[in-house]
Protein backbone atom coordinates (compact mmCIF):
# COMPACT_ATOMS: atom_id res chain seq x y z
CA MET A 1 49.99 -0.34 -4.07
CA PRO A 2 47.93 0.57 -1.13
CA SER A 3 47.74 -2.15 1.68
CA SER A 4 43.93 -2.07 1.58
CA ILE A 5 43.97 -3.22 -2.00
CA THR A 6 46.98 -5.71 -1.57
CA SER A 7 45.35 -7.45 1.29
CA CYS A 8 42.50 -8.48 -1.29
CA CYS A 9 44.88 -9.67 -3.79
CA HIS A 10 47.14 -12.75 -4.29
CA PHE A 11 49.98 -12.35 -6.81
CA TYR A 12 51.83 -15.08 -8.70
CA VAL A 13 54.75 -15.00 -11.29
CA GLU A 14 54.27 -16.96 -14.46
CA ARG A 15 57.45 -17.59 -16.58
CA SER A 16 57.09 -17.81 -20.29
CA GLY A 17 60.41 -18.07 -22.12
CA THR A 18 62.37 -15.00 -20.96
CA THR A 19 59.18 -12.87 -19.93
CA ASN A 20 58.12 -12.85 -16.41
CA ARG A 21 54.20 -11.87 -16.13
CA ARG A 22 52.84 -10.68 -12.75
CA THR A 23 49.17 -11.66 -12.45
CA ALA A 24 46.68 -10.54 -9.74
CA THR A 25 43.73 -12.68 -8.71
CA TRP A 26 41.05 -10.61 -7.07
CA LYS A 27 39.36 -11.72 -3.84
CA SER A 28 36.25 -9.71 -3.09
CA PRO A 29 36.02 -8.02 0.39
CA ARG A 30 34.06 -9.98 2.94
CA ALA A 31 31.47 -7.46 3.54
CA ALA A 32 30.41 -7.51 -0.08
CA VAL A 33 29.12 -11.20 0.20
CA ILE A 34 27.35 -10.94 3.53
CA PRO A 35 23.78 -12.09 2.73
CA TYR A 36 20.55 -10.12 3.59
CA ILE A 37 22.34 -6.71 3.39
CA HIS A 38 20.03 -4.29 1.43
CA LEU A 39 21.10 -1.01 0.24
CA PRO A 40 20.43 1.71 0.43
CA MET A 41 19.18 1.64 4.05
CA ARG A 42 18.27 4.44 6.34
CA SER A 43 20.23 5.20 9.58
CA ASN A 44 18.36 5.61 12.94
CA GLU A 45 19.00 9.38 12.62
CA VAL A 46 16.94 9.88 9.43
CA LYS A 47 13.91 11.90 9.47
CA ASN A 48 10.57 10.03 9.98
CA ARG A 49 12.39 6.85 11.09
CA THR A 50 9.58 4.38 12.11
CA PHE A 51 9.30 0.89 13.74
CA ALA A 52 6.91 -1.84 13.51
CA GLU A 53 5.43 -0.82 16.74
CA ASP A 54 4.46 2.58 15.46
CA ILE A 55 2.66 1.07 12.61
CA LYS A 56 0.65 -1.47 14.81
CA LYS A 57 -1.07 1.40 16.61
CA LEU A 58 -2.86 2.65 13.43
CA ARG A 59 -6.55 2.30 13.52
CA LEU A 60 -7.61 4.02 10.39
CA ILE A 61 -5.53 3.79 7.14
CA THR A 62 -6.95 5.03 3.84
CA ALA A 63 -5.98 3.30 0.61
CA ILE A 64 -5.58 6.50 -1.13
CA LYS A 65 -6.78 7.24 -4.70
CA THR A 66 -4.29 8.52 -7.40
CA PRO A 67 -6.07 11.24 -9.43
CA TYR A 68 -4.83 11.99 -13.03
CA LEU A 69 -4.46 14.81 -15.63
CA PRO A 70 -6.39 14.41 -18.87
CA ASP A 71 -3.16 13.14 -20.47
CA GLY A 72 -3.03 10.37 -17.90
CA ARG A 73 -0.18 11.94 -15.86
CA PHE A 74 -0.47 12.30 -12.03
CA ASP A 75 -2.49 15.12 -10.81
CA LEU A 76 -0.28 15.93 -7.79
CA GLU A 77 -2.45 19.13 -6.89
CA ALA A 78 -5.49 17.02 -6.62
CA TYR A 79 -3.69 14.16 -4.89
CA ASP A 80 -2.20 16.72 -2.23
CA ALA A 81 -5.71 18.00 -1.45
CA LEU A 82 -7.02 14.32 -1.05
CA VAL A 83 -4.29 13.61 1.40
CA ASN A 84 -4.66 16.84 3.21
CA LEU A 85 -8.45 16.16 3.75
CA GLN A 86 -7.44 12.63 5.12
CA ILE A 87 -5.25 14.29 7.58
CA GLU A 88 -7.66 16.88 8.49
CA ASN A 89 -10.45 14.27 9.24
CA GLY A 90 -8.22 12.10 11.51
CA VAL A 91 -7.00 9.41 9.16
CA GLU A 92 -3.76 7.99 10.66
CA GLY A 93 -2.04 6.47 7.48
CA VAL A 94 -2.27 6.19 3.78
CA ILE A 95 -1.43 3.27 1.51
CA VAL A 96 0.33 4.78 -1.59
CA GLY A 97 -0.16 2.91 -4.95
CA GLY A 98 -2.14 0.12 -3.49
CA THR A 99 -5.04 -1.41 -5.53
CA THR A 100 -7.22 1.51 -4.88
CA GLY A 101 -4.35 3.87 -5.96
CA GLU A 102 -3.95 1.82 -9.05
CA GLY A 103 -0.33 0.91 -8.35
CA GLN A 104 -0.82 -1.86 -11.00
CA LEU A 105 -1.11 0.70 -13.58
CA MET A 106 2.05 2.58 -12.73
CA SER A 107 5.63 2.26 -13.80
CA TRP A 108 7.97 1.65 -10.78
CA ASP A 109 9.42 5.04 -11.56
CA GLU A 110 5.81 6.56 -10.94
CA HIS A 111 5.33 4.35 -8.01
CA ILE A 112 8.54 5.40 -6.19
CA MET A 113 8.14 9.00 -7.12
CA LEU A 114 4.68 9.04 -5.65
CA ILE A 115 5.68 7.49 -2.45
CA GLY A 116 8.73 10.01 -2.10
CA HIS A 117 6.23 12.87 -2.94
CA THR A 118 3.92 11.74 -0.06
CA ILE A 119 6.47 11.29 2.57
CA ASN A 120 8.25 14.59 1.62
CA CYS A 121 5.00 16.53 1.91
CA PHE A 122 3.09 14.74 4.63
CA GLY A 123 5.39 12.26 6.24
CA GLY A 124 5.31 14.58 9.55
CA SER A 125 1.43 14.43 9.72
CA ILE A 126 0.45 10.77 8.66
CA LYS A 127 2.17 7.46 8.30
CA VAL A 128 2.98 6.76 4.63
CA ILE A 129 2.88 3.02 3.82
CA GLY A 130 4.12 2.19 0.20
CA ASN A 131 2.86 -0.61 -1.69
CA THR A 132 5.99 -2.12 -2.94
CA GLY A 133 4.71 -5.74 -3.28
CA SER A 134 5.05 -7.67 -6.45
CA ASN A 135 4.57 -11.25 -7.88
CA SER A 136 8.29 -11.09 -8.73
CA THR A 137 10.52 -11.31 -5.56
CA ARG A 138 13.25 -9.48 -7.42
CA GLU A 139 10.96 -6.57 -8.13
CA ALA A 140 9.53 -6.52 -4.58
CA ILE A 141 13.11 -6.49 -3.19
CA HIS A 142 14.16 -3.49 -5.40
CA ALA A 143 11.10 -1.51 -4.94
CA THR A 144 11.10 -1.99 -1.19
CA GLU A 145 14.80 -0.99 -1.14
CA GLN A 146 13.79 2.42 -3.13
CA GLY A 147 10.76 2.99 -1.01
CA PHE A 148 12.61 2.84 2.24
CA ALA A 149 15.27 4.97 0.60
CA VAL A 150 12.87 7.77 -0.09
CA GLY A 151 11.48 7.63 3.48
CA MET A 152 8.37 5.63 3.54
CA HIS A 153 7.33 4.44 7.09
CA ALA A 154 6.45 0.90 6.15
CA ALA A 155 5.77 -1.46 3.18
CA LEU A 156 2.63 -3.24 2.08
CA HIS A 157 3.29 -6.63 0.55
CA ILE A 158 1.03 -8.94 -1.36
CA ASN A 159 1.63 -12.68 -2.01
CA PRO A 160 2.71 -13.44 -5.54
CA TYR A 161 -0.17 -13.64 -7.80
CA TYR A 162 -1.03 -15.20 -10.96
CA GLY A 163 2.20 -17.21 -11.06
CA LYS A 164 1.42 -18.64 -7.78
CA THR A 165 4.03 -20.43 -5.52
CA SER A 166 4.38 -23.07 -3.04
CA ILE A 167 3.95 -22.56 0.68
CA GLU A 168 7.86 -22.71 1.03
CA GLY A 169 8.09 -20.31 -1.68
CA LEU A 170 5.62 -17.81 0.11
CA ILE A 171 7.63 -17.95 3.24
CA SER A 172 10.97 -17.29 1.14
CA HIS A 173 9.37 -14.42 -0.74
CA PHE A 174 8.35 -12.50 2.42
CA ASP A 175 11.53 -13.55 4.27
CA SER A 176 13.32 -11.56 1.33
CA VAL A 177 11.72 -8.35 2.08
CA LEU A 178 10.78 -8.31 5.74
CA PRO A 179 14.39 -7.58 7.01
CA MET A 180 14.11 -4.00 5.24
CA GLY A 181 11.70 -2.42 7.52
CA PRO A 182 7.99 -2.27 9.11
CA THR A 183 5.91 -4.42 6.90
CA ILE A 184 2.18 -5.24 6.52
CA ILE A 185 1.36 -8.43 4.71
CA TYR A 186 -1.97 -8.34 2.55
CA ASN A 187 -3.96 -11.30 2.03
CA VAL A 188 -6.81 -10.97 -0.53
CA PRO A 189 -7.20 -14.36 -2.27
CA SER A 190 -10.11 -12.85 -4.51
CA ARG A 191 -7.25 -10.79 -6.44
CA THR A 192 -4.28 -13.06 -5.84
CA GLY A 193 -5.87 -16.46 -6.43
CA GLN A 194 -4.15 -17.92 -3.32
CA ASP A 195 -4.71 -17.66 0.37
CA ILE A 196 -1.95 -16.96 2.77
CA PRO A 197 -2.46 -19.87 5.27
CA PRO A 198 -2.31 -18.69 8.97
CA HIS A 199 0.60 -20.96 9.75
CA VAL A 200 2.66 -18.93 7.26
CA ILE A 201 1.84 -15.76 8.92
CA GLN A 202 2.82 -17.21 12.20
CA THR A 203 6.04 -18.27 10.91
CA LEU A 204 6.60 -14.71 9.49
CA ALA A 205 5.57 -13.30 12.91
CA LYS A 206 9.01 -14.25 14.10
CA SER A 207 10.35 -11.28 12.52
CA PRO A 208 10.31 -7.92 14.52
CA ASN A 209 9.46 -6.14 11.24
CA LEU A 210 6.05 -7.86 10.81
CA ALA A 211 3.66 -4.96 11.77
CA GLY A 212 0.57 -7.08 10.95
CA VAL A 213 -1.84 -8.40 8.36
CA LYS A 214 -4.44 -6.79 6.11
CA GLU A 215 -6.89 -9.63 6.06
CA CYS A 216 -9.62 -10.01 3.46
CA VAL A 217 -10.82 -13.59 4.27
CA GLY A 218 -13.31 -12.67 6.90
CA ASN A 219 -13.96 -12.08 10.67
CA ASP A 220 -13.19 -15.69 11.62
CA ARG A 221 -9.74 -15.26 10.45
CA VAL A 222 -9.19 -11.91 11.94
CA GLU A 223 -10.23 -13.40 15.33
CA GLN A 224 -7.88 -16.32 14.81
CA TYR A 225 -5.27 -13.87 14.45
CA THR A 226 -6.00 -11.65 17.36
CA ASN A 227 -6.44 -14.41 19.73
CA ASN A 228 -2.80 -15.25 18.86
CA GLY A 229 -1.53 -11.66 19.61
CA LEU A 230 -1.19 -10.58 15.94
CA VAL A 231 -2.25 -7.01 14.74
CA VAL A 232 -4.91 -7.25 11.88
CA TRP A 233 -6.56 -4.57 9.97
CA SER A 234 -9.81 -5.45 8.16
CA GLY A 235 -9.46 -5.26 4.37
CA ASN A 236 -13.19 -5.33 3.93
CA ASP A 237 -15.16 -2.09 4.73
CA ASP A 238 -18.50 -3.94 5.01
CA GLU A 239 -17.03 -6.11 7.92
CA CYS A 240 -14.73 -3.49 9.62
CA HIS A 241 -17.11 -2.30 12.25
CA ASP A 242 -17.56 -5.84 13.53
CA SER A 243 -13.93 -6.84 13.01
CA ARG A 244 -12.78 -3.79 15.14
CA TRP A 245 -15.50 -4.02 17.89
CA HIS A 246 -16.25 -7.74 18.02
CA HIS A 247 -13.33 -9.69 16.72
CA GLY A 248 -10.28 -7.76 17.92
CA ALA A 249 -9.02 -6.09 14.77
CA THR A 250 -6.89 -3.02 15.32
CA GLY A 251 -8.73 -1.21 12.67
CA VAL A 252 -9.20 -0.99 8.97
CA ILE A 253 -7.46 -0.20 5.67
CA SER A 254 -10.28 1.48 3.93
CA VAL A 255 -11.43 2.49 0.50
CA THR A 256 -14.71 4.28 1.80
CA SER A 257 -12.53 6.68 3.89
CA ASN A 258 -11.45 8.35 0.66
CA LEU A 259 -15.02 9.78 0.73
CA VAL A 260 -16.14 10.12 4.13
CA PRO A 261 -13.08 10.02 6.38
CA GLY A 262 -14.68 11.73 9.34
CA LEU A 263 -17.31 9.13 9.50
CA MET A 264 -14.93 6.21 9.08
CA ARG A 265 -12.78 7.65 11.95
CA GLU A 266 -15.94 7.64 14.16
CA LEU A 267 -16.69 4.04 13.25
CA MET A 268 -13.15 3.05 14.19
CA PHE A 269 -12.59 5.26 17.08
CA GLY A 270 -16.08 5.86 18.73
CA GLY A 271 -16.93 2.42 20.08
CA ASN A 272 -19.55 0.01 19.08
CA ASN A 273 -21.97 1.93 16.70
CA PRO A 274 -24.27 -0.22 14.63
CA VAL A 275 -26.54 2.65 13.68
CA LEU A 276 -23.58 4.31 11.97
CA ASN A 277 -22.40 1.23 10.46
CA SER A 278 -25.93 0.58 8.99
CA LYS A 279 -25.87 4.23 7.61
CA LEU A 280 -22.77 3.70 5.67
CA MET A 281 -23.75 0.18 4.28
CA PRO A 282 -25.33 1.47 1.05
CA LEU A 283 -22.53 3.54 0.33
CA VAL A 284 -20.02 0.58 1.01
CA GLU A 285 -22.24 -1.86 -1.17
CA TRP A 286 -22.26 0.83 -4.10
CA LEU A 287 -18.50 1.30 -3.83
CA PHE A 288 -17.89 -2.55 -4.38
CA HIS A 289 -20.65 -3.32 -6.88
CA GLU A 290 -17.96 -3.45 -9.61
CA PRO A 291 -14.34 -4.20 -8.81
CA ASN A 292 -12.37 -1.55 -6.80
CA PRO A 293 -11.47 1.29 -7.78
CA ILE A 294 -14.21 1.79 -10.49
CA ALA A 295 -16.91 3.29 -8.30
CA LEU A 296 -14.40 5.22 -6.09
CA ASN A 297 -12.95 6.86 -9.25
CA THR A 298 -16.39 7.69 -10.42
CA ALA A 299 -17.67 8.99 -7.09
CA LEU A 300 -14.72 11.34 -6.56
CA ALA A 301 -15.27 12.78 -10.05
CA GLN A 302 -18.88 13.31 -9.26
CA LEU A 303 -17.91 15.02 -6.00
CA GLY A 304 -15.70 17.46 -8.14
CA VAL A 305 -12.35 16.69 -6.10
CA VAL A 306 -10.61 14.83 -9.02
CA ARG A 307 -10.87 15.20 -12.70
CA PRO A 308 -12.90 12.49 -14.35
CA VAL A 309 -9.96 10.83 -15.97
CA PHE A 310 -9.56 6.79 -16.01
CA ARG A 311 -6.57 4.94 -16.80
CA LEU A 312 -7.56 2.02 -18.72
CA PRO A 313 -8.75 -0.87 -18.29
CA TYR A 314 -10.86 0.99 -15.67
CA VAL A 315 -14.01 2.91 -16.98
CA PRO A 316 -16.75 4.84 -15.06
CA LEU A 317 -19.92 3.36 -13.78
CA THR A 318 -23.02 3.48 -15.83
CA LYS A 319 -25.27 6.32 -15.75
CA ALA A 320 -27.90 4.62 -13.56
CA LYS A 321 -25.18 3.96 -10.83
CA ARG A 322 -23.99 7.55 -11.01
CA GLU A 323 -27.53 8.63 -10.46
CA GLU A 324 -27.70 6.28 -7.47
CA PHE A 325 -24.49 7.80 -6.01
CA VAL A 326 -26.19 11.16 -5.84
CA LYS A 327 -29.21 9.72 -3.96
CA ILE A 328 -26.70 8.15 -1.45
CA VAL A 329 -24.82 11.15 -0.81
CA GLU A 330 -27.98 13.07 -0.15
CA LYS A 331 -29.14 10.34 2.36
CA ILE A 332 -26.01 10.45 4.35
CA GLY A 333 -25.43 14.25 4.07
CA ARG A 334 -23.38 16.07 1.58
CA GLU A 335 -21.47 17.71 4.56
CA ASN A 336 -20.00 14.23 5.43
CA PHE A 337 -18.35 13.79 2.06
CA ILE A 338 -15.05 15.39 1.02
CA GLY A 339 -15.10 18.37 -1.28
CA GLU A 340 -17.11 21.54 -1.51
CA ARG A 341 -18.93 21.35 -4.80
CA ASP A 342 -22.37 19.88 -5.07
CA VAL A 343 -22.48 16.26 -6.06
CA GLN A 344 -23.50 15.79 -9.80
CA VAL A 345 -24.35 13.11 -12.33
CA LEU A 346 -21.71 13.29 -14.99
CA ASN A 347 -22.39 12.39 -18.58
CA ASP A 348 -20.47 9.77 -20.48
CA ASN A 349 -18.69 12.35 -22.70
CA ASP A 350 -17.49 13.99 -19.47
CA PHE A 351 -15.05 11.37 -18.95
CA PHE A 352 -11.49 10.78 -20.45
CA LEU A 353 -10.34 7.22 -20.87
CA VAL A 354 -6.59 7.00 -21.35
CA GLY A 355 -4.86 4.01 -22.77
CA ARG A 356 -1.44 5.50 -23.44
CA TYR A 357 0.20 7.55 -20.87
């Protein structure tokens, strides 16, 4: 028996009557029981290797929409066109499979496939941040392992929702995924039912992998973090201008930039601009009249850049709201929106609602 094997075994002889039995007791190799070793991991030489400092510099990140075919499968042709438009208009990063991208309606196989597809097609031109968070720590660990294995630049992690946990549980949950790679923590109590208190973020900030926080509580919280040297992205499009120019936010993780990426870039890069901010407010208010991503899905279909397909439980906005969107586009200027077709008011029977896919 080779020495590398025998070194992990202890042998003993048991005598029973006239029969000798040689029994081996297996002792696992030491490396197999070292805690916090997550596999598979990327080496420093792997293409697109990114560190937290690279993510901290991003000012405009789009929570990208996931388009569908009439049978409910991903429409990758439309998706690629959407991501290309973001790149062409100066967006620096995309969140794949976030709330806006309807990761909550995906299987994990779909989720990881879309992250891998995005990094393979666009990873050299834009930072790809995979939403691999979950209310289950086991799922979050597994999905994050897979996300980094397929090459994502960073992970987005929500705090456990619905089945809420204690403060100690929050810290343990995030401590389980932070060692894997650059991480943005997402605080949106309106969806999770639980705020992540600032002292939890300060505790987690000891990790070199914490890139920053997507914060939806408001600008007072944003300023509290930025005053303490933490990187923060506004998670609220209606507050992002003031977050950026008056409260120290690095930028925004935006829904609106799906539609008007060039204008959102100007808002984040061009200096204090209350006139442009006011111009965009009717669009932002329209987008969040119903829970995101209902209005965004409706708008992209009306602009002709995605098929009018909804995975249930999302359904399109009412005819009256669809007519209102046409007026908003005309006022802001069709040339500022993505796509080339004239904006149109779709009829109810133009939409596909898919419950099984």
